């Protein structure tokens, strides 16, 4: 089953309406996204907690790494560059951090608040190689922007 991003965006918008606490928003979003698609084996946030450092936030799946510096791995690359990281084969990504040995591909998106500050990265791992598409990245970026930055997106308009 693949995510129905239109329905997912509407569900998340409905569940988080009026909520401003970032951790509550992260917990709700990660639960809904994780259970929306069978490609998603580990879904979670790494929160920016200090300069150049992230710590684990709400997630679904097995244990994640407790902290990730901006200088390491796919999550670090997303935080450092502010760019989506769509990795078809984690073994081919220089410096990949193997929090779970089963991970074959990964999608990581930077998360910005309304002030334009990086607050986290949203990390999705799959045990399938080449599991993610630019469509996944674009739809999830829209959901993240509408949830955390208050920007309406094409996916959440009626």
Protein backbone atom coordinates (compact mmCIF):
# COMPACT_ATOMS: atom_id res chain seq x y z
CA UNK A 1 0.00 0.00 0.00
CA UNK A 2 1.29 3.44 -0.93
CA UNK A 3 0.36 6.64 0.86
CA UNK A 4 -2.69 8.60 -0.32
CA UNK A 5 -1.06 11.99 0.23
CA UNK A 6 -4.23 14.01 -0.31
CA UNK A 7 -6.08 12.06 2.40
CA UNK A 8 -2.98 12.03 4.62
CA UNK A 9 -2.60 15.82 4.42
CA UNK A 10 -6.26 16.34 5.31
CA UNK A 11 -6.07 13.89 8.24
CA UNK A 12 -2.93 15.51 9.66
CA UNK A 13 -4.39 19.00 9.22
CA UNK A 14 -7.56 17.93 11.03
CA UNK A 15 -5.71 16.22 13.89
CA UNK A 16 -3.27 19.10 14.44
CA UNK A 17 -5.61 22.06 13.96
CA UNK A 18 -4.82 24.73 16.55
CA UNK A 19 -1.86 22.80 18.01
CA UNK A 20 1.37 24.79 18.37
CA UNK A 21 3.58 22.46 20.42
CA UNK A 22 6.26 21.13 18.06
CA UNK A 23 6.67 17.77 19.81
CA UNK A 24 2.90 17.15 19.78
CA UNK A 25 2.84 18.02 16.07
CA UNK A 26 5.80 15.71 15.39
CA UNK A 27 4.25 12.80 17.31
CA UNK A 28 0.95 13.07 15.46
CA UNK A 29 2.52 13.52 12.03
CA UNK A 30 4.99 10.65 12.45
CA UNK A 31 2.24 8.24 13.56
CA UNK A 32 0.00 9.09 10.60
CA UNK A 33 2.81 9.00 8.02
CA UNK A 34 4.37 5.78 9.36
CA UNK A 35 1.11 3.84 9.13
CA UNK A 36 0.16 5.25 5.70
CA UNK A 37 2.63 3.26 3.60
CA UNK A 38 4.12 -0.23 3.85
CA UNK A 39 7.46 1.01 2.47
CA UNK A 40 8.02 3.04 5.65
CA UNK A 41 9.89 0.84 8.17
CA UNK A 42 11.21 3.61 10.43
CA UNK A 43 9.71 7.07 10.50
CA UNK A 44 10.81 9.82 12.84
CA UNK A 45 12.17 13.22 13.67
CA UNK A 46 15.63 14.29 14.73
CA UNK A 47 15.24 17.62 16.54
CA UNK A 48 17.83 20.38 16.42
CA UNK A 49 18.83 20.69 20.09
CA UNK A 50 22.17 22.52 19.91
CA UNK A 51 24.32 24.12 17.23
CA UNK A 52 25.15 21.43 14.64
CA UNK A 53 23.47 18.68 16.73
CA UNK A 54 20.19 16.77 16.58
CA UNK A 55 18.62 14.36 19.06
CA UNK A 56 15.92 11.77 18.53
CA UNK A 57 12.36 13.03 18.56
CA UNK A 58 9.04 11.23 18.16
CA UNK A 59 9.33 8.15 15.97
CA UNK A 60 7.69 4.87 14.99
CA UNK A 61 9.67 1.67 14.42
CA UNK A 62 12.73 0.18 16.10
CA UNK A 63 15.19 2.23 18.12
CA UNK A 64 16.83 5.15 16.33
CA UNK A 65 20.18 6.76 16.94
CA UNK A 66 20.00 9.02 20.01
CA UNK A 67 21.94 11.90 18.48
CA UNK A 68 23.24 12.83 15.04
CA UNK A 69 25.64 15.69 14.34
CA UNK A 70 25.04 17.79 11.23
CA UNK A 71 28.40 16.52 9.97
CA UNK A 72 27.34 12.86 9.71
CA UNK A 73 25.00 10.70 7.68
CA UNK A 74 21.94 11.35 5.56
CA UNK A 75 20.12 13.21 8.35
CA UNK A 76 23.15 15.40 8.93
CA UNK A 77 23.35 16.18 5.21
CA UNK A 78 19.69 17.28 5.18
CA UNK A 79 20.26 19.51 8.22
CA UNK A 80 23.59 20.89 6.97
CA UNK A 81 22.40 21.71 3.42
CA UNK A 82 18.70 22.38 4.03
CA UNK A 83 18.01 20.08 1.07
CA UNK A 84 15.89 16.93 0.80
CA UNK A 85 18.03 13.78 0.73
CA UNK A 86 16.55 10.98 -1.38
CA UNK A 87 18.95 8.04 -1.09
CA UNK A 88 18.21 5.03 -3.30
CA UNK A 89 20.96 2.89 -1.73
CA UNK A 90 22.28 3.79 1.72
CA UNK A 91 25.36 1.60 1.18
CA UNK A 92 26.42 4.00 -1.60
CA UNK A 93 25.98 7.13 0.57
CA UNK A 94 29.35 8.26 1.99
CA UNK A 95 29.23 8.38 5.77
CA UNK A 96 25.82 6.73 6.12
CA UNK A 97 25.01 6.01 9.78
CA UNK A 98 23.49 2.54 10.12
CA UNK A 99 21.07 2.94 13.02
CA UNK A 100 19.32 -0.19 11.71
CA UNK A 101 21.14 -2.80 9.59
CA UNK A 102 17.94 -3.55 7.64
CA UNK A 103 17.75 -0.04 6.09
CA UNK A 104 18.29 -0.05 2.32
CA UNK A 105 16.98 3.38 1.24
CA UNK A 106 16.17 6.62 3.00
CA UNK A 107 14.30 9.89 2.55
CA UNK A 108 15.15 12.83 4.82
CA UNK A 109 13.48 16.24 4.69
CA UNK A 110 14.47 19.41 6.55
CA UNK A 111 11.71 20.82 8.79
CA UNK A 112 11.34 24.60 9.09
CA UNK A 113 9.17 26.59 11.49
CA UNK A 114 7.17 29.70 10.56
CA UNK A 115 10.20 31.91 11.29
CA UNK A 116 12.24 29.96 8.74
CA UNK A 117 14.45 28.23 11.32
CA UNK A 118 15.48 24.61 10.91
CA UNK A 119 13.87 22.77 13.85
CA UNK A 120 14.35 19.14 12.80
CA UNK A 121 14.73 16.66 10.00
CA UNK A 122 12.04 14.11 9.13
CA UNK A 123 13.61 10.75 8.39
CA UNK A 124 11.97 7.77 6.70
CA UNK A 125 13.86 4.50 6.26
CA UNK A 126 12.85 1.53 4.15
CA UNK A 127 14.17 -2.02 4.04
CA UNK A 128 13.50 -1.91 0.28
CA UNK A 129 16.14 -0.48 -2.07
CA UNK A 130 15.09 2.58 -4.10
CA UNK A 131 11.80 2.79 -2.16
CA UNK A 132 11.19 6.55 -2.44
CA UNK A 133 10.28 8.90 -5.28
CA UNK A 134 10.40 12.64 -5.81
CA UNK A 135 6.58 12.49 -5.54
CA UNK A 136 6.98 11.17 -1.97
CA UNK A 137 9.48 13.94 -1.19
CA UNK A 138 7.32 16.71 -2.67
CA UNK A 139 4.12 15.58 -0.93
CA UNK A 140 5.83 15.12 2.43
CA UNK A 141 7.53 18.52 2.09
CA UNK A 142 4.09 20.10 1.56
CA UNK A 143 2.68 18.31 4.62
CA UNK A 144 5.66 19.40 6.76
CA UNK A 145 5.38 23.02 5.56
CA UNK A 146 1.66 23.21 6.31
CA UNK A 147 2.10 21.54 9.72
CA UNK A 148 5.17 23.39 11.04
CA UNK A 149 5.43 26.60 9.04
CA UNK A 150 1.72 27.29 8.61
CA UNK A 151 2.09 27.41 4.85
CA UNK A 152 -0.84 26.03 2.94
CA UNK A 153 0.11 23.57 0.25
CA UNK A 154 -1.48 22.15 -2.86
CA UNK A 155 -1.98 18.86 -1.01
CA UNK A 156 -4.09 20.46 1.71
CA UNK A 157 -6.34 22.75 -0.31
CA UNK A 158 -9.94 21.84 -0.99
